[in-house]
PDB file of N, CA and C in Angstrom:
ATOM      1  N   MET A   1      -1.854 -21.274 -33.583  1.00  0.00           N
ATOM      2  CA  MET A   1      -3.232 -20.994 -34.169  1.00  0.00           C
ATOM      3  C   MET A   1      -3.974 -22.506 -34.192  1.00  0.00           C
ATOM      4  N   GLY A   2      -3.467 -23.532 -34.018  1.00  0.00           N
ATOM      5  CA  GLY A   2      -3.590 -24.852 -34.259  1.00  0.00           C
ATOM      6  C   GLY A   2      -4.429 -25.107 -32.877  1.00  0.00           C
ATOM      7  N   LYS A   3      -4.255 -24.873 -31.448  1.00  0.00           N
ATOM      8  CA  LYS A   3      -5.069 -25.213 -30.548  1.00  0.00           C
ATOM      9  C   LYS A   3      -6.195 -24.119 -30.315  1.00  0.00           C
ATOM     10  N   LEU A   4      -6.247 -22.880 -30.902  1.00  0.00           N
ATOM     11  CA  LEU A   4      -7.116 -22.321 -31.207  1.00  0.00           C
ATOM     12  C   LEU A   4      -8.586 -22.234 -31.647  1.00  0.00           C
ATOM     13  N   LYS A   5      -8.085 -22.870 -32.955  1.00  0.00           N
ATOM     14  CA  LYS A   5      -8.932 -23.607 -33.899  1.00  0.00           C
ATOM     15  C   LYS A   5      -9.408 -24.660 -33.734  1.00  0.00           C
ATOM     16  N   LYS A   6      -8.460 -25.558 -32.737  1.00  0.00           N
ATOM     17  CA  LYS A   6      -9.653 -26.792 -32.173  1.00  0.00           C
ATOM     18  C   LYS A   6     -10.355 -26.204 -31.336  1.00  0.00           C
ATOM     19  N   VAL A   7     -10.313 -25.503 -30.740  1.00  0.00           N
ATOM     20  CA  VAL A   7     -11.484 -25.156 -29.327  1.00  0.00           C
ATOM     21  C   VAL A   7     -12.195 -24.335 -29.851  1.00  0.00           C
ATOM     22  N   MET A   8     -12.400 -23.602 -31.328  1.00  0.00           N
ATOM     23  CA  MET A   8     -13.293 -22.836 -31.851  1.00  0.00           C
ATOM     24  C   MET A   8     -14.262 -24.174 -32.296  1.00  0.00           C
ATOM     25  N   GLU A   9     -13.992 -25.241 -32.761  1.00  0.00           N
ATOM     26  CA  GLU A   9     -14.319 -26.371 -33.269  1.00  0.00           C
ATOM     27  C   GLU A   9     -15.745 -26.692 -32.415  1.00  0.00           C
ATOM     28  N   PHE A  10     -15.732 -26.216 -31.125  1.00  0.00           N
ATOM     29  CA  PHE A  10     -16.389 -26.985 -29.725  1.00  0.00           C
ATOM     30  C   PHE A  10     -17.253 -25.788 -29.118  1.00  0.00           C
ATOM     31  N   PRO A  11     -18.040 -25.351 -30.064  1.00  0.00           N
ATOM     32  CA  PRO A  11     -18.953 -24.064 -29.906  1.00  0.00           C
ATOM     33  C   PRO A  11     -19.079 -24.010 -27.762  1.00  0.00           C
ATOM     34  N   TYR A  12     -19.644 -25.116 -27.559  1.00  0.00           N
ATOM     35  CA  TYR A  12     -19.491 -25.032 -26.078  1.00  0.00           C
ATOM     36  C   TYR A  12     -18.780 -24.575 -24.964  1.00  0.00           C
ATOM     37  N   LEU A  13     -16.975 -24.659 -25.735  1.00  0.00           N
ATOM     38  CA  LEU A  13     -15.707 -24.551 -25.154  1.00  0.00           C
ATOM     39  C   LEU A  13     -15.720 -22.993 -25.343  1.00  0.00           C
ATOM     40  N   ASN A  14     -15.791 -22.562 -26.631  1.00  0.00           N
ATOM     41  CA  ASN A  14     -15.712 -21.184 -26.848  1.00  0.00           C
ATOM     42  C   ASN A  14     -16.541 -20.434 -25.821  1.00  0.00           C
ATOM     43  N   GLY A  15     -17.552 -20.612 -25.746  1.00  0.00           N
ATOM     44  CA  GLY A  15     -18.526 -19.961 -24.672  1.00  0.00           C
ATOM     45  C   GLY A  15     -18.151 -20.010 -22.842  1.00  0.00           C
ATOM     46  N   ILE A  16     -17.677 -21.021 -22.789  1.00  0.00           N
ATOM     47  CA  ILE A  16     -17.283 -21.047 -21.167  1.00  0.00           C
ATOM     48  C   ILE A  16     -15.674 -20.294 -21.507  1.00  0.00           C
ATOM     49  N   LEU A  17     -14.862 -20.317 -22.455  1.00  0.00           N
ATOM     50  CA  LEU A  17     -13.938 -19.381 -22.360  1.00  0.00           C
ATOM     51  C   LEU A  17     -14.426 -17.858 -22.302  1.00  0.00           C
ATOM     52  N   MET A  18     -15.528 -17.648 -22.732  1.00  0.00           N
ATOM     53  CA  MET A  18     -15.988 -16.138 -23.039  1.00  0.00           C
ATOM     54  C   MET A  18     -16.238 -15.865 -21.516  1.00  0.00           C
ATOM     55  N   LEU A  19     -17.279 -17.248 -20.978  1.00  0.00           N
ATOM     56  CA  LEU A  19     -17.718 -16.638 -19.737  1.00  0.00           C
ATOM     57  C   LEU A  19     -16.461 -16.676 -18.459  1.00  0.00           C
ATOM     58  N   ILE A  20     -15.391 -17.513 -18.971  1.00  0.00           N
ATOM     59  CA  ILE A  20     -14.073 -17.383 -17.806  1.00  0.00           C
ATOM     60  C   ILE A  20     -13.532 -15.743 -18.473  1.00  0.00           C
ATOM     61  N   ILE A  21     -13.723 -15.280 -19.557  1.00  0.00           N
ATOM     62  CA  ILE A  21     -13.181 -14.083 -19.589  1.00  0.00           C
ATOM     63  C   ILE A  21     -13.977 -12.793 -18.754  1.00  0.00           C
ATOM     64  N   LEU A  22     -15.421 -12.909 -18.989  1.00  0.00           N
ATOM     65  CA  LEU A  22     -15.936 -12.240 -18.872  1.00  0.00           C
ATOM     66  C   LEU A  22     -16.231 -12.117 -16.897  1.00  0.00           C
ATOM     67  N   ILE A  23     -15.929 -13.054 -16.214  1.00  0.00           N
ATOM     68  CA  ILE A  23     -15.892 -12.817 -14.917  1.00  0.00           C
ATOM     69  C   ILE A  23     -14.631 -12.786 -14.184  1.00  0.00           C
ATOM     70  N   ALA A  24     -13.636 -12.976 -15.019  1.00  0.00           N
ATOM     71  CA  ALA A  24     -12.126 -12.102 -14.746  1.00  0.00           C
ATOM     72  C   ALA A  24     -12.449 -10.852 -14.689  1.00  0.00           C
ATOM     73  N   GLN A  25     -12.683 -10.223 -15.975  1.00  0.00           N
ATOM     74  CA  GLN A  25     -13.089  -8.495 -16.126  1.00  0.00           C
ATOM     75  C   GLN A  25     -13.655  -7.899 -15.296  1.00  0.00           C
ATOM     76  N   LEU A  26     -14.774  -9.117 -14.696  1.00  0.00           N
ATOM     77  CA  LEU A  26     -15.987  -8.119 -13.367  1.00  0.00           C
ATOM     78  C   LEU A  26     -15.247  -8.104 -12.325  1.00  0.00           C
ATOM     79  N   VAL A  27     -14.207  -9.288 -12.327  1.00  0.00           N
ATOM     80  CA  VAL A  27     -13.373  -9.330 -11.280  1.00  0.00           C
ATOM     81  C   VAL A  27     -12.128  -8.171 -11.056  1.00  0.00           C
ATOM     82  N   LEU A  28     -11.841  -7.938 -11.960  1.00  0.00           N
ATOM     83  CA  LEU A  28     -10.904  -6.861 -12.061  1.00  0.00           C
ATOM     84  C   LEU A  28     -11.523  -5.664 -12.279  1.00  0.00           C
ATOM     85  N   LEU A  29     -12.667  -5.330 -12.689  1.00  0.00           N
ATOM     86  CA  LEU A  29     -13.220  -3.866 -12.637  1.00  0.00           C
ATOM     87  C   LEU A  29     -13.612  -3.627 -11.202  1.00  0.00           C
ATOM     88  N   ASP A  30     -14.277  -4.742 -10.231  1.00  0.00           N
ATOM     89  CA  ASP A  30     -14.341  -4.721  -8.653  1.00  0.00           C
ATOM     90  C   ASP A  30     -13.686  -3.881  -7.932  1.00  0.00           C
ATOM     91  N   SER A  31     -12.042  -4.631  -8.381  1.00  0.00           N
ATOM     92  CA  SER A  31     -10.836  -4.181  -7.477  1.00  0.00           C
ATOM     93  C   SER A  31     -10.482  -3.075  -7.938  1.00  0.00           C
ATOM     94  N   ILE A  32     -11.144  -2.400  -9.218  1.00  0.00           N
ATOM     95  CA  ILE A  32     -10.501  -0.750  -9.904  1.00  0.00           C
ATOM     96  C   ILE A  32     -11.419  -0.355  -8.702  1.00  0.00           C
ATOM     97  N   LYS A  33     -12.416  -0.731  -8.906  1.00  0.00           N
ATOM     98  CA  LYS A  33     -13.850   0.444  -8.015  1.00  0.00           C
ATOM     99  C   LYS A  33     -13.527   0.807  -6.991  1.00  0.00           C
ATOM    100  N   SER A  34     -13.087  -0.307  -6.287  1.00  0.00           N
ATOM    101  CA  SER A  34     -12.594  -1.075  -4.844  1.00  0.00           C
ATOM    102  C   SER A  34     -11.711   0.636  -4.569  1.00  0.00           C
ATOM    103  N   CYS A  35     -10.506   0.523  -5.200  1.00  0.00           N
ATOM    104  CA  CYS A  35      -9.738   1.361  -4.832  1.00  0.00           C
ATOM    105  C   CYS A  35      -9.768   2.787  -5.719  1.00  0.00           C
ATOM    106  N   THR A  36     -10.784   2.910  -6.196  1.00  0.00           N
ATOM    107  CA  THR A  36     -11.030   4.162  -6.963  1.00  0.00           C
ATOM    108  C   THR A  36     -12.311   4.807  -6.411  1.00  0.00           C
ATOM    109  N   SER A  37     -13.177   4.302  -5.723  1.00  0.00           N
ATOM    110  CA  SER A  37     -14.216   4.830  -5.584  1.00  0.00           C
ATOM    111  C   SER A  37     -14.173   5.445  -3.892  1.00  0.00           C
ATOM    112  N   PRO A  38     -14.424   6.711  -3.371  1.00  0.00           N
ATOM    113  CA  PRO A  38     -14.539   6.706  -1.398  1.00  0.00           C
ATOM    114  C   PRO A  38     -15.067   5.816  -0.920  1.00  0.00           C
ATOM    115  N   ARG A  39     -16.028   4.817  -1.780  1.00  0.00           N
ATOM    116  CA  ARG A  39     -16.961   4.035  -0.303  1.00  0.00           C
ATOM    117  C   ARG A  39     -15.652   2.689  -0.960  1.00  0.00           C
ATOM    118  N   GLY A  40     -15.136   2.326  -1.713  1.00  0.00           N
ATOM    119  CA  GLY A  40     -14.207   1.026  -1.918  1.00  0.00           C
ATOM    120  C   GLY A  40     -13.228   0.855  -0.284  1.00  0.00           C
ATOM    121  N   SER A  41     -13.494  -0.376  -0.038  1.00  0.00           N
ATOM    122  CA  SER A  41     -12.906  -0.936   0.690  1.00  0.00           C
ATOM    123  C   SER A  41     -11.217  -0.474   0.886  1.00  0.00           C
ATOM    124  N   CYS A  42     -11.030  -0.862  -0.553  1.00  0.00           N
ATOM    125  CA  CYS A  42      -9.558  -0.581  -0.976  1.00  0.00           C
ATOM    126  C   CYS A  42      -9.340   0.924  -0.270  1.00  0.00           C
ATOM    127  N   TYR A  43      -9.490   1.651  -1.337  1.00  0.00           N
ATOM    128  CA  TYR A  43      -9.626   3.264  -1.298  1.00  0.00           C
ATOM    129  C   TYR A  43      -9.664   3.599   0.545  1.00  0.00           C
ATOM    130  N   ARG A  44     -10.602   3.263   1.274  1.00  0.00           N
ATOM    131  CA  ARG A  44     -10.340   3.464   2.589  1.00  0.00           C
ATOM    132  C   ARG A  44      -9.561   3.029   3.751  1.00  0.00           C
ATOM    133  N   ARG A  45      -8.708   1.650   2.855  1.00  0.00           N
ATOM    134  CA  ARG A  45      -7.514   1.162   3.595  1.00  0.00           C
ATOM    135  C   ARG A  45      -6.471   2.205   3.436  1.00  0.00           C
ATOM    136  N   ALA A  46      -6.532   2.247   2.010  1.00  0.00           N
ATOM    137  CA  ALA A  46      -5.129   3.320   1.636  1.00  0.00           C
ATOM    138  C   ALA A  46      -5.447   4.345   1.948  1.00  0.00           C
ATOM    139  N   GLN A  47      -6.671   4.954   2.188  1.00  0.00           N
ATOM    140  CA  GLN A  47      -6.429   6.573   3.036  1.00  0.00           C
ATOM    141  C   GLN A  47      -5.984   6.310   4.613  1.00  0.00           C
ATOM    142  N   ALA A  48      -6.376   5.449   5.034  1.00  0.00           N
ATOM    143  CA  ALA A  48      -5.862   4.708   6.560  1.00  0.00           C
ATOM    144  C   ALA A  48      -4.565   5.040   6.583  1.00  0.00           C
ATOM    145  N   ASN A  49      -4.109   4.269   5.416  1.00  0.00           N
ATOM    146  CA  ASN A  49      -2.437   4.155   5.509  1.00  0.00           C
ATOM    147  C   ASN A  49      -1.937   5.432   5.289  1.00  0.00           C
ATOM    148  N   GLN A  50      -2.650   6.116   4.125  1.00  0.00           N
ATOM    149  CA  GLN A  50      -1.461   7.593   4.265  1.00  0.00           C
ATOM    150  C   GLN A  50      -1.463   8.367   5.593  1.00  0.00           C
ATOM    151  N   VAL A  51      -2.891   8.168   6.374  1.00  0.00           N
ATOM    152  CA  VAL A  51      -2.672   9.119   7.420  1.00  0.00           C
ATOM    153  C   VAL A  51      -2.026   8.582   8.393  1.00  0.00           C
ATOM    154  N   ARG A  52      -1.391   7.238   8.828  1.00  0.00           N
ATOM    155  CA  ARG A  52      -0.975   6.428   9.822  1.00  0.00           C
ATOM    156  C   ARG A  52       0.736   7.105   9.327  1.00  0.00           C
ATOM    157  N   ILE A  53       0.958   6.948   7.795  1.00  0.00           N
ATOM    158  CA  ILE A  53       2.443   7.301   7.145  1.00  0.00           C
ATOM    159  C   ILE A  53       2.909   8.964   7.211  1.00  0.00           C
ATOM    160  N   VAL A  54       1.954   9.760   7.238  1.00  0.00           N
ATOM    161  CA  VAL A  54       1.901  11.669   7.462  1.00  0.00           C
ATOM    162  C   VAL A  54       1.701  11.212   8.939  1.00  0.00           C
ATOM    163  N   GLY A  55       1.294  10.407  10.001  1.00  0.00           N
ATOM    164  CA  GLY A  55       1.456  11.062  11.129  1.00  0.00           C
ATOM    165  C   GLY A  55       2.502  10.863  12.015  1.00  0.00           C
ATOM    166  N   ASN A  56       3.266   9.067  11.302  1.00  0.00           N
ATOM    167  CA  ASN A  56       4.552   8.838  11.558  1.00  0.00           C
ATOM    168  C   ASN A  56       5.329   9.747  11.474  1.00  0.00           C
ATOM    169  N   LEU A  57       5.469  10.199  10.186  1.00  0.00           N
ATOM    170  CA  LEU A  57       6.541  11.435   9.810  1.00  0.00           C
ATOM    171  C   LEU A  57       6.600  12.744  10.462  1.00  0.00           C
ATOM    172  N   ASN A  58       5.362  12.919  10.803  1.00  0.00           N
ATOM    173  CA  ASN A  58       5.544  14.110  12.108  1.00  0.00           C
ATOM    174  C   ASN A  58       6.303  13.870  12.788  1.00  0.00           C
ATOM    175  N   ASP A  59       5.867  12.844  13.511  1.00  0.00           N
ATOM    176  CA  ASP A  59       6.914  12.448  14.856  1.00  0.00           C
ATOM    177  C   ASP A  59       8.266  12.552  14.695  1.00  0.00           C
ATOM    178  N   VAL A  60       8.282  11.585  13.757  1.00  0.00           N
ATOM    179  CA  VAL A  60       9.915  11.617  13.478  1.00  0.00           C
ATOM    180  C   VAL A  60      10.336  12.670  13.572  1.00  0.00           C
ATOM    181  N   THR A  61       9.738  13.486  12.307  1.00  0.00           N
ATOM    182  CA  THR A  61      10.207  15.046  12.368  1.00  0.00           C
ATOM    183  C   THR A  61      10.398  15.677  13.578  1.00  0.00           C
ATOM    184  N   VAL A  62       9.580  15.817  14.546  1.00  0.00           N
ATOM    185  CA  VAL A  62       9.489  15.956  15.633  1.00  0.00           C
ATOM    186  C   VAL A  62      10.811  15.653  16.837  1.00  0.00           C
ATOM    187  N   PHE A  63      10.683  14.482  16.637  1.00  0.00           N
ATOM    188  CA  PHE A  63      12.123  13.773  17.503  1.00  0.00           C
ATOM    189  C   PHE A  63      13.250  13.907  16.871  1.00  0.00           C
ATOM    190  N   ALA A  64      13.072  14.450  15.592  1.00  0.00           N
ATOM    191  CA  ALA A  64      14.623  14.697  14.831  1.00  0.00           C
ATOM    192  C   ALA A  64      15.412  15.656  15.301  1.00  0.00           C
ATOM    193  N   ALA A  65      13.876  16.666  15.298  1.00  0.00           N
ATOM    194  CA  ALA A  65      14.346  18.602  16.009  1.00  0.00           C
ATOM    195  C   ALA A  65      14.772  18.201  17.389  1.00  0.00           C
ATOM    196  N   PHE A  66      13.816  17.171  18.066  1.00  0.00           N
ATOM    197  CA  PHE A  66      14.028  17.482  19.655  1.00  0.00           C
ATOM    198  C   PHE A  66      15.197  16.912  19.675  1.00  0.00           C
ATOM    199  N   CYS A  67      15.820  15.677  19.200  1.00  0.00           N
ATOM    200  CA  CYS A  67      17.011  15.309  19.448  1.00  0.00           C
ATOM    201  C   CYS A  67      18.305  15.778  18.926  1.00  0.00           C
ATOM    202  N   ALA A  68      18.323  16.452  18.107  1.00  0.00           N
ATOM    203  CA  ALA A  68      19.070  17.110  17.794  1.00  0.00           C
ATOM    204  C   ALA A  68      19.460  18.724  18.353  1.00  0.00           C
ATOM    205  N   ALA A  69      18.387  18.986  19.115  1.00  0.00           N
ATOM    206  CA  ALA A  69      18.449  20.247  19.815  1.00  0.00           C
ATOM    207  C   ALA A  69      19.286  19.509  20.969  1.00  0.00           C
ATOM    208  N   ARG A  70      18.749  18.236  21.291  1.00  0.00           N
ATOM    209  CA  ARG A  70      19.424  17.398  22.530  1.00  0.00           C
ATOM    210  C   ARG A  70      20.716  16.989  22.756  1.00  0.00           C
ATOM    211  N   ILE A  71      21.629  16.745  21.681  1.00  0.00           N
ATOM    212  CA  ILE A  71      22.624  16.080  21.779  1.00  0.00           C
ATOM    213  C   ILE A  71      23.578  17.438  21.501  1.00  0.00           C
ATOM    214  N   PRO A  72      24.865  17.746  22.103  1.00  0.00           N
ATOM    215  CA  PRO A  72      25.526  18.298  21.872  1.00  0.00           C
ATOM    216  C   PRO A  72      26.416  18.282  20.716  1.00  0.00           C
ATOM    217  N   PRO A  73      26.612  19.884  19.921  1.00  0.00           N
ATOM    218  CA  PRO A  73      27.520  19.845  18.956  1.00  0.00           C
ATOM    219  C   PRO A  73      28.666  19.012  18.523  1.00  0.00           C
ATOM    220  N   PRO A  74      29.737  17.974  17.662  1.00  0.00           N
ATOM    221  CA  PRO A  74      29.142  18.211  16.606  1.00  0.00           C
ATOM    222  C   PRO A  74      28.023  17.426  16.533  1.00  0.00           C
ATOM    223  N   VAL A  75      27.018  17.242  16.150  1.00  0.00           N
ATOM    224  CA  VAL A  75      25.773  16.103  15.923  1.00  0.00           C
ATOM    225  C   VAL A  75      25.786  15.239  14.815  1.00  0.00           C
ATOM    226  N   SER A  76      26.046  13.715  14.983  1.00  0.00           N
ATOM    227  CA  SER A  76      26.050  12.890  13.844  1.00  0.00           C
ATOM    228  C   SER A  76      24.777  12.433  13.629  1.00  0.00           C
ATOM    229  N   THR A  77      24.516  12.084  12.274  1.00  0.00           N
ATOM    230  CA  THR A  77      23.291  11.620  11.723  1.00  0.00           C
ATOM    231  C   THR A  77      23.036  10.125  12.615  1.00  0.00           C
ATOM    232  N   GLU A  78      23.870   9.271  12.967  1.00  0.00           N
ATOM    233  CA  GLU A  78      23.871   8.002  14.040  1.00  0.00           C
ATOM    234  C   GLU A  78      23.384   8.597  15.066  1.00  0.00           C
ATOM    235  N   GLU A  79      23.806   9.587  16.107  1.00  0.00           N
ATOM    236  CA  GLU A  79      23.649   9.832  16.938  1.00  0.00           C
ATOM    237  C   GLU A  79      21.982  10.621  16.945  1.00  0.00           C
ATOM    238  N   VAL A  80      21.560  10.816  16.124  1.00  0.00           N
ATOM    239  CA  VAL A  80      19.850  11.915  16.029  1.00  0.00           C
ATOM    240  C   VAL A  80      19.088  10.157  15.855  1.00  0.00           C
ATOM    241  N   GLN A  81      19.488   9.559  14.935  1.00  0.00           N
ATOM    242  CA  GLN A  81      18.701   8.291  14.779  1.00  0.00           C
ATOM    243  C   GLN A  81      18.610   7.410  15.790  1.00  0.00           C
ATOM    244  N   LYS A  82      19.781   7.418  16.827  1.00  0.00           N
ATOM    245  CA  LYS A  82      19.769   6.351  17.980  1.00  0.00           C
ATOM    246  C   LYS A  82      18.659   7.187  19.193  1.00  0.00           C
ATOM    247  N   CYS A  83      18.905   8.366  18.802  1.00  0.00           N
ATOM    248  CA  CYS A  83      17.933   9.315  19.978  1.00  0.00           C
ATOM    249  C   CYS A  83      16.511   8.996  19.371  1.00  0.00           C
ATOM    250  N   ILE A  84      16.116   8.859  18.248  1.00  0.00           N
ATOM    251  CA  ILE A  84      14.849   9.126  17.288  1.00  0.00           C
ATOM    252  C   ILE A  84      14.330   7.693  17.976  1.00  0.00           C
ATOM    253  N   ASP A  85      14.897   6.478  17.402  1.00  0.00           N
ATOM    254  CA  ASP A  85      14.669   5.101  17.961  1.00  0.00           C
ATOM    255  C   ASP A  85      14.243   4.981  19.259  1.00  0.00           C
ATOM    256  N   SER A  86      15.078   5.658  20.143  1.00  0.00           N
ATOM    257  CA  SER A  86      14.973   5.750  21.687  1.00  0.00           C
ATOM    258  C   SER A  86      13.638   6.313  22.030  1.00  0.00           C
ATOM    259  N   GLU A  87      13.422   7.589  21.081  1.00  0.00           N
ATOM    260  CA  GLU A  87      12.030   8.151  21.575  1.00  0.00           C
ATOM    261  C   GLU A  87      10.842   7.788  21.283  1.00  0.00           C
ATOM    262  N   MET A  88      10.651   7.187  20.074  1.00  0.00           N
ATOM    263  CA  MET A  88       9.543   6.185  19.312  1.00  0.00           C
ATOM    264  C   MET A  88       9.258   5.574  20.114  1.00  0.00           C
ATOM    265  N   THR A  89      10.439   4.217  20.918  1.00  0.00           N
ATOM    266  CA  THR A  89      10.023   3.284  21.186  1.00  0.00           C
ATOM    267  C   THR A  89       9.583   3.876  22.766  1.00  0.00           C
ATOM    268  N   ALA A  90       9.665   4.809  23.279  1.00  0.00           N
ATOM    269  CA  ALA A  90       9.654   5.054  24.493  1.00  0.00           C
ATOM    270  C   ALA A  90       8.161   5.492  24.304  1.00  0.00           C
ATOM    271  N   LYS A  91       7.578   6.237  23.223  1.00  0.00           N
ATOM    272  CA  LYS A  91       6.192   6.482  23.195  1.00  0.00           C
ATOM    273  C   LYS A  91       5.785   5.549  22.461  1.00  0.00           C
ATOM    274  N   GLY A  92       6.184   4.424  22.161  1.00  0.00           N
ATOM    275  CA  GLY A  92       5.038   3.360  21.913  1.00  0.00           C
ATOM    276  C   GLY A  92       5.151   3.118  20.617  1.00  0.00           C
ATOM    277  N   GLN A  93       5.679   3.676  19.679  1.00  0.00           N
ATOM    278  CA  GLN A  93       5.316   3.925  18.330  1.00  0.00           C
ATOM    279  C   GLN A  93       6.587   2.950  17.256  1.00  0.00           C
ATOM    280  N   ARG A  94       7.106   2.117  18.251  1.00  0.00           N
ATOM    281  CA  ARG A  94       7.873   1.043  17.313  1.00  0.00           C
ATOM    282  C   ARG A  94       7.597  -0.080  17.777  1.00  0.00           C
TER     283      ARG A  94
END
């Protein structure tokens, strides 16, 4: 409490600290709004990333089915993974 008491003895420092806290809260609030409002840049970036991730997941699923059907039994996970990597590289998705 000693340091805080010393700061409180200087009212202008107290005002500066309050201003710094207010600015920090406004910056944080702006960041939260940016990520939770459909018009925010953070929100739009997150949506674009989700679209890309789901698209990639769909592609991998299609390639996995294609590769599993193409490799003669017994099919190993490693063989399917190599085939998926090869197909994705060939399609320019890697």
